[in-house]
Amino acid sequence: MPSKHRTFRLDEELDQKFETYAEGKGKSVTDALIELIQQATRGEDPARYEWLDKACSALAHANEGFHCFIKAPTKHKLGDGTNEDAKKFCTACQATKSILSVQAILAKGGISTYYTCNLGGVSDQVDPDKILCPYEPIDKHISIAKNCKVKENGSACKSLQTHTLRIENVRPTTKR
């Protein structure tokens, strides 16, 4: 199909916003515009896959849909493998893991320490003593004790924050 040449004007503010958008996508202005037009004409929601930014690192997409590899090499298809089923199952799994970890802390009692990263590093779901650091390769979990705490000349990384919780062992006061 032959291509057509189109010309139009943008006001200064809209033009600047569009150039910033194209740079963020790593595309030329023309290619970014074509992509936006194609998305709009397909009717596909561009925010449809945003939840993947917060998904577990064990989630992967294979030919037949989304799968969970939390117990690799075994894979488990999430529902029928569609985006909607994967989002539902992955979110429920993350919530369940959070509940179980809180229950374990409550049952154990005592002091619990966890870490957060101001740069957007994500704690490992399986091993909370490891983190995905934005300065490391994308799938490389690094040890907080060996890397983050001694990152800059033996001192802790400035972006690492330590949080300590003191938890009382909760026991019922009534007998059944």
C-alpha atoms as a PDB file:
ATOM      1  CA  MET A   1       0.000   0.000   0.000  1.00  0.00           C
ATOM      2  CA  PRO A   2       1.493   3.369  -0.928  1.00  0.00           C
ATOM      3  CA  SER A   3       2.102   5.783   1.929  1.00  0.00           C
ATOM      4  CA  LYS A   4       0.631   9.268   2.047  1.00  0.00           C
ATOM      5  CA  HIS A   5       2.272  12.427   3.259  1.00  0.00           C
ATOM      6  CA  ARG A   6       0.313  14.386   5.904  1.00  0.00           C
ATOM      7  CA  THR A   7       1.119  17.802   7.340  1.00  0.00           C
ATOM      8  CA  PHE A   8      -0.352  19.372  10.482  1.00  0.00           C
ATOM      9  CA  ARG A   9       0.538  21.942  13.130  1.00  0.00           C
ATOM     10  CA  LEU A  10       0.965  21.457  16.857  1.00  0.00           C
ATOM     11  CA  ASP A  11       1.102  24.241  19.386  1.00  0.00           C
ATOM     12  CA  GLU A  12       4.432  24.609  21.234  1.00  0.00           C
ATOM     13  CA  GLU A  13       3.288  22.926  24.461  1.00  0.00           C
ATOM     14  CA  LEU A  14       1.762  19.883  22.754  1.00  0.00           C
ATOM     15  CA  ASP A  15       4.798  19.546  20.479  1.00  0.00           C
ATOM     16  CA  GLN A  16       7.139  19.502  23.504  1.00  0.00           C
ATOM     17  CA  LYS A  17       5.000  16.910  25.289  1.00  0.00           C
ATOM     18  CA  PHE A  18       4.973  14.734  22.190  1.00  0.00           C
ATOM     19  CA  GLU A  19       8.756  14.944  21.742  1.00  0.00           C
ATOM     20  CA  THR A  20       9.225  13.950  25.395  1.00  0.00           C
ATOM     21  CA  TYR A  21       6.826  11.020  24.887  1.00  0.00           C
ATOM     22  CA  ALA A  22       8.735   9.841  21.793  1.00  0.00           C
ATOM     23  CA  GLU A  23      12.107  10.097  23.592  1.00  0.00           C
ATOM     24  CA  GLY A  24      10.715   8.059  26.493  1.00  0.00           C
ATOM     25  CA  LYS A  25       9.690   5.343  24.051  1.00  0.00           C
ATOM     26  CA  GLY A  26      13.084   5.486  22.321  1.00  0.00           C
ATOM     27  CA  LYS A  27      11.436   6.250  18.980  1.00  0.00           C
ATOM     28  CA  SER A  28      11.358   9.031  16.460  1.00  0.00           C
ATOM     29  CA  VAL A  29       8.429  11.432  16.624  1.00  0.00           C
ATOM     30  CA  THR A  30       6.955   9.934  13.456  1.00  0.00           C
ATOM     31  CA  ASP A  31       7.227   6.342  14.722  1.00  0.00           C
ATOM     32  CA  ALA A  32       5.705   7.293  18.092  1.00  0.00           C
ATOM     33  CA  LEU A  33       2.811   9.009  16.331  1.00  0.00           C
ATOM     34  CA  ILE A  34       2.226   5.961  14.117  1.00  0.00           C
ATOM     35  CA  GLU A  35       2.251   3.714  17.190  1.00  0.00           C
ATOM     36  CA  LEU A  36      -0.329   5.893  18.970  1.00  0.00           C
ATOM     37  CA  ILE A  37      -2.593   5.919  15.923  1.00  0.00           C
ATOM     38  CA  GLN A  38      -2.328   2.128  15.560  1.00  0.00           C
ATOM     39  CA  GLN A  39      -3.180   1.626  19.254  1.00  0.00           C
ATOM     40  CA  ALA A  40      -6.167   3.973  18.984  1.00  0.00           C
ATOM     41  CA  THR A  41      -7.519   2.249  15.886  1.00  0.00           C
ATOM     42  CA  ARG A  42      -7.047  -1.251  17.341  1.00  0.00           C
ATOM     43  CA  GLY A  43      -9.051  -0.308  20.411  1.00  0.00           C
ATOM     44  CA  GLU A  44      -6.401  -1.807  22.694  1.00  0.00           C
ATOM     45  CA  ASP A  45      -5.983  -0.202  26.093  1.00  0.00           C
ATOM     46  CA  PRO A  46      -2.339   0.952  26.419  1.00  0.00           C
ATOM     47  CA  ALA A  47      -2.549   0.538  30.219  1.00  0.00           C
ATOM     48  CA  ARG A  48      -3.641  -3.087  29.856  1.00  0.00           C
ATOM     49  CA  TYR A  49      -0.230  -4.503  30.792  1.00  0.00           C
ATOM     50  CA  GLU A  50       0.885  -1.879  33.336  1.00  0.00           C
ATOM     51  CA  TRP A  51       0.310  -4.350  36.178  1.00  0.00           C
ATOM     52  CA  LEU A  52       3.316  -6.340  34.892  1.00  0.00           C
ATOM     53  CA  ASP A  53       5.618  -3.622  36.282  1.00  0.00           C
ATOM     54  CA  LYS A  54       4.657  -4.768  39.791  1.00  0.00           C
ATOM     55  CA  ALA A  55       4.314  -8.477  39.026  1.00  0.00           C
ATOM     56  CA  CYS A  56       6.500 -11.175  40.537  1.00  0.00           C
ATOM     57  CA  SER A  57       9.739 -11.903  38.693  1.00  0.00           C
ATOM     58  CA  ALA A  58       8.655 -15.547  38.370  1.00  0.00           C
ATOM     59  CA  LEU A  59       5.887 -14.580  35.936  1.00  0.00           C
ATOM     60  CA  ALA A  60       6.654 -15.288  32.285  1.00  0.00           C
ATOM     61  CA  HIS A  61       4.756 -15.321  29.016  1.00  0.00           C
ATOM     62  CA  ALA A  62       5.150 -18.402  26.858  1.00  0.00           C
ATOM     63  CA  ASN A  63       3.487 -19.324  23.556  1.00  0.00           C
ATOM     64  CA  GLU A  64       0.329 -20.557  25.218  1.00  0.00           C
ATOM     65  CA  GLY A  65      -0.084 -17.687  27.714  1.00  0.00           C
ATOM     66  CA  PHE A  66       1.155 -16.483  31.113  1.00  0.00           C
ATOM     67  CA  HIS A  67       2.875 -18.988  33.418  1.00  0.00           C
ATOM     68  CA  CYS A  68       4.240 -18.890  36.953  1.00  0.00           C
ATOM     69  CA  PHE A  69       7.764 -20.267  37.443  1.00  0.00           C
ATOM     70  CA  ILE A  70       7.987 -19.732  41.226  1.00  0.00           C
ATOM     71  CA  LYS A  71       8.889 -23.433  41.580  1.00  0.00           C
ATOM     72  CA  ALA A  72      11.063 -23.639  38.463  1.00  0.00           C
ATOM     73  CA  PRO A  73      11.617 -25.664  36.344  1.00  0.00           C
ATOM     74  CA  THR A  74       7.960 -26.560  36.899  1.00  0.00           C
ATOM     75  CA  LYS A  75       5.597 -24.060  35.312  1.00  0.00           C
ATOM     76  CA  HIS A  76       1.960 -23.430  36.131  1.00  0.00           C
ATOM     77  CA  LYS A  77      -0.373 -21.865  33.610  1.00  0.00           C
ATOM     78  CA  LEU A  78      -2.335 -19.026  35.214  1.00  0.00           C
ATOM     79  CA  GLY A  79      -5.976 -19.700  34.403  1.00  0.00           C
ATOM     80  CA  ASP A  80      -6.417 -19.802  30.645  1.00  0.00           C
ATOM     81  CA  GLY A  81      -3.169 -17.836  30.182  1.00  0.00           C
ATOM     82  CA  THR A  82      -4.794 -14.538  29.242  1.00  0.00           C
ATOM     83  CA  ASN A  83      -3.671 -11.185  30.606  1.00  0.00           C
ATOM     84  CA  GLU A  84      -6.809 -10.894  32.767  1.00  0.00           C
ATOM     85  CA  ASP A  85      -6.405 -14.345  34.372  1.00  0.00           C
ATOM     86  CA  ALA A  86      -2.685 -13.822  34.914  1.00  0.00           C
ATOM     87  CA  LYS A  87      -3.335 -10.491  36.637  1.00  0.00           C
ATOM     88  CA  LYS A  88      -5.989 -12.051  38.874  1.00  0.00           C
ATOM     89  CA  PHE A  89      -3.869 -15.072  39.907  1.00  0.00           C
ATOM     90  CA  CYS A  90      -0.573 -13.175  40.261  1.00  0.00           C
ATOM     91  CA  THR A  91      -2.164 -10.491  42.446  1.00  0.00           C
ATOM     92  CA  ALA A  92      -3.853 -13.126  44.635  1.00  0.00           C
ATOM     93  CA  CYS A  93      -0.570 -15.038  44.992  1.00  0.00           C
ATOM     94  CA  GLN A  94       1.341 -11.923  46.060  1.00  0.00           C
ATOM     95  CA  ALA A  95      -1.371 -11.075  48.605  1.00  0.00           C
ATOM     96  CA  THR A  96      -1.280 -14.630  49.972  1.00  0.00           C
ATOM     97  CA  LYS A  97       2.514 -14.537  50.340  1.00  0.00           C
ATOM     98  CA  SER A  98       2.258 -11.238  52.208  1.00  0.00           C
ATOM     99  CA  ILE A  99      -0.379 -12.658  54.560  1.00  0.00           C
ATOM    100  CA  LEU A 100       1.677 -15.814  55.212  1.00  0.00           C
ATOM    101  CA  SER A 101       4.829 -13.824  55.955  1.00  0.00           C
ATOM    102  CA  VAL A 102       2.936 -11.610  58.422  1.00  0.00           C
ATOM    103  CA  GLN A 103       1.408 -14.689  60.062  1.00  0.00           C
ATOM    104  CA  ALA A 104       4.876 -16.262  60.414  1.00  0.00           C
ATOM    105  CA  ILE A 105       6.211 -13.089  62.067  1.00  0.00           C
ATOM    106  CA  LEU A 106       3.229 -12.927  64.427  1.00  0.00           C
ATOM    107  CA  ALA A 107       3.573 -16.586  65.386  1.00  0.00           C
ATOM    108  CA  LYS A 108       7.303 -16.232  65.962  1.00  0.00           C
ATOM    109  CA  GLY A 109       7.141 -12.939  67.819  1.00  0.00           C
ATOM    110  CA  GLY A 110      10.269 -10.888  68.391  1.00  0.00           C
ATOM    111  CA  ILE A 111      11.951  -8.474  66.010  1.00  0.00           C
ATOM    112  CA  SER A 112      11.635  -8.533  62.246  1.00  0.00           C
ATOM    113  CA  THR A 113      13.786  -6.471  59.889  1.00  0.00           C
ATOM    114  CA  TYR A 114      13.041  -5.701  56.266  1.00  0.00           C
ATOM    115  CA  TYR A 115      14.618  -3.432  53.691  1.00  0.00           C
ATOM    116  CA  THR A 116      13.356  -1.037  51.044  1.00  0.00           C
ATOM    117  CA  CYS A 117      15.204   0.765  48.261  1.00  0.00           C
ATOM    118  CA  ASN A 118      14.546   4.408  47.387  1.00  0.00           C
ATOM    119  CA  LEU A 119      15.821   3.813  43.836  1.00  0.00           C
ATOM    120  CA  GLY A 120      13.059   1.320  43.078  1.00  0.00           C
ATOM    121  CA  GLY A 121      14.914  -1.896  43.909  1.00  0.00           C
ATOM    122  CA  VAL A 122      12.445  -4.732  44.516  1.00  0.00           C
ATOM    123  CA  SER A 123      12.838  -7.291  47.296  1.00  0.00           C
ATOM    124  CA  ASP A 124      12.931 -10.902  46.137  1.00  0.00           C
ATOM    125  CA  GLN A 125       9.649 -12.747  46.775  1.00  0.00           C
ATOM    126  CA  VAL A 126      11.390 -16.007  47.655  1.00  0.00           C
ATOM    127  CA  ASP A 127      14.433 -14.702  49.567  1.00  0.00           C
ATOM    128  CA  PRO A 128      13.791 -11.395  51.388  1.00  0.00           C
ATOM    129  CA  ASP A 129      17.545 -10.988  51.982  1.00  0.00           C
ATOM    130  CA  LYS A 130      18.006 -10.384  48.244  1.00  0.00           C
ATOM    131  CA  ILE A 131      16.939  -7.492  46.044  1.00  0.00           C
ATOM    132  CA  LEU A 132      16.691  -6.590  42.352  1.00  0.00           C
ATOM    133  CA  CYS A 133      18.911  -3.488  42.179  1.00  0.00           C
ATOM    134  CA  PRO A 134      18.348  -0.973  39.358  1.00  0.00           C
ATOM    135  CA  TYR A 135      22.140  -0.751  38.904  1.00  0.00           C
ATOM    136  CA  GLU A 136      22.537  -4.491  38.268  1.00  0.00           C
ATOM    137  CA  PRO A 137      21.445  -6.650  35.297  1.00  0.00           C
ATOM    138  CA  ILE A 138      17.667  -6.961  35.158  1.00  0.00           C
ATOM    139  CA  ASP A 139      17.258 -10.556  36.421  1.00  0.00           C
ATOM    140  CA  LYS A 140      20.171 -10.641  38.866  1.00  0.00           C
ATOM    141  CA  HIS A 141      19.125 -10.823  42.518  1.00  0.00           C
ATOM    142  CA  ILE A 142      21.882  -9.449  44.736  1.00  0.00           C
ATOM    143  CA  SER A 143      22.488 -10.032  48.421  1.00  0.00           C
ATOM    144  CA  ILE A 144      21.551  -7.054  50.585  1.00  0.00           C
ATOM    145  CA  ALA A 145      24.196  -7.990  53.176  1.00  0.00           C
ATOM    146  CA  LYS A 146      27.031  -8.459  50.662  1.00  0.00           C
ATOM    147  CA  ASN A 147      26.164  -5.692  48.187  1.00  0.00           C
ATOM    148  CA  CYS A 148      23.818  -2.985  49.487  1.00  0.00           C
ATOM    149  CA  LYS A 149      25.285  -2.731  52.983  1.00  0.00           C
ATOM    150  CA  VAL A 150      28.857  -2.332  51.671  1.00  0.00           C
ATOM    151  CA  LYS A 151      28.187  -0.646  48.338  1.00  0.00           C
ATOM    152  CA  GLU A 152      30.069   2.614  48.756  1.00  0.00           C
ATOM    153  CA  ASN A 153      33.559   2.132  50.237  1.00  0.00           C
ATOM    154  CA  GLY A 154      32.332  -0.180  52.982  1.00  0.00           C
ATOM    155  CA  SER A 155      29.325   1.933  53.953  1.00  0.00           C
ATOM    156  CA  ALA A 156      25.720   1.121  53.142  1.00  0.00           C
ATOM    157  CA  CYS A 157      24.092   2.352  49.961  1.00  0.00           C
ATOM    158  CA  LYS A 158      22.383   5.662  50.684  1.00  0.00           C
ATOM    159  CA  SER A 159      19.168   4.429  49.063  1.00  0.00           C
ATOM    160  CA  LEU A 160      18.836   1.366  51.301  1.00  0.00           C
ATOM    161  CA  GLN A 161      16.426   1.829  54.186  1.00  0.00           C
ATOM    162  CA  THR A 162      16.180  -0.577  57.102  1.00  0.00           C
ATOM    163  CA  HIS A 163      12.848  -1.037  58.859  1.00  0.00           C
ATOM    164  CA  THR A 164      12.567  -2.878  62.158  1.00  0.00           C
ATOM    165  CA  LEU A 165       9.339  -4.184  63.660  1.00  0.00           C
ATOM    166  CA  ARG A 166       9.014  -5.422  67.218  1.00  0.00           C
ATOM    167  CA  ILE A 167       6.219  -7.934  67.421  1.00  0.00           C
ATOM    168  CA  GLU A 168       4.772  -9.358  70.592  1.00  0.00           C
ATOM    169  CA  ASN A 169       3.800 -12.985  70.501  1.00  0.00           C
ATOM    170  CA  VAL A 170       0.018 -12.704  70.486  1.00  0.00           C
ATOM    171  CA  ARG A 171      -1.730 -15.314  72.620  1.00  0.00           C
ATOM    172  CA  PRO A 172      -5.404 -15.480  73.512  1.00  0.00           C
ATOM    173  CA  THR A 173      -6.233 -14.593  77.114  1.00  0.00           C
ATOM    174  CA  THR A 174      -9.398 -16.711  77.286  1.00  0.00           C
ATOM    175  CA  LYS A 175      -9.662 -20.485  77.404  1.00  0.00           C
ATOM    176  CA  ARG A 176     -12.032 -22.520  75.323  1.00  0.00           C
END
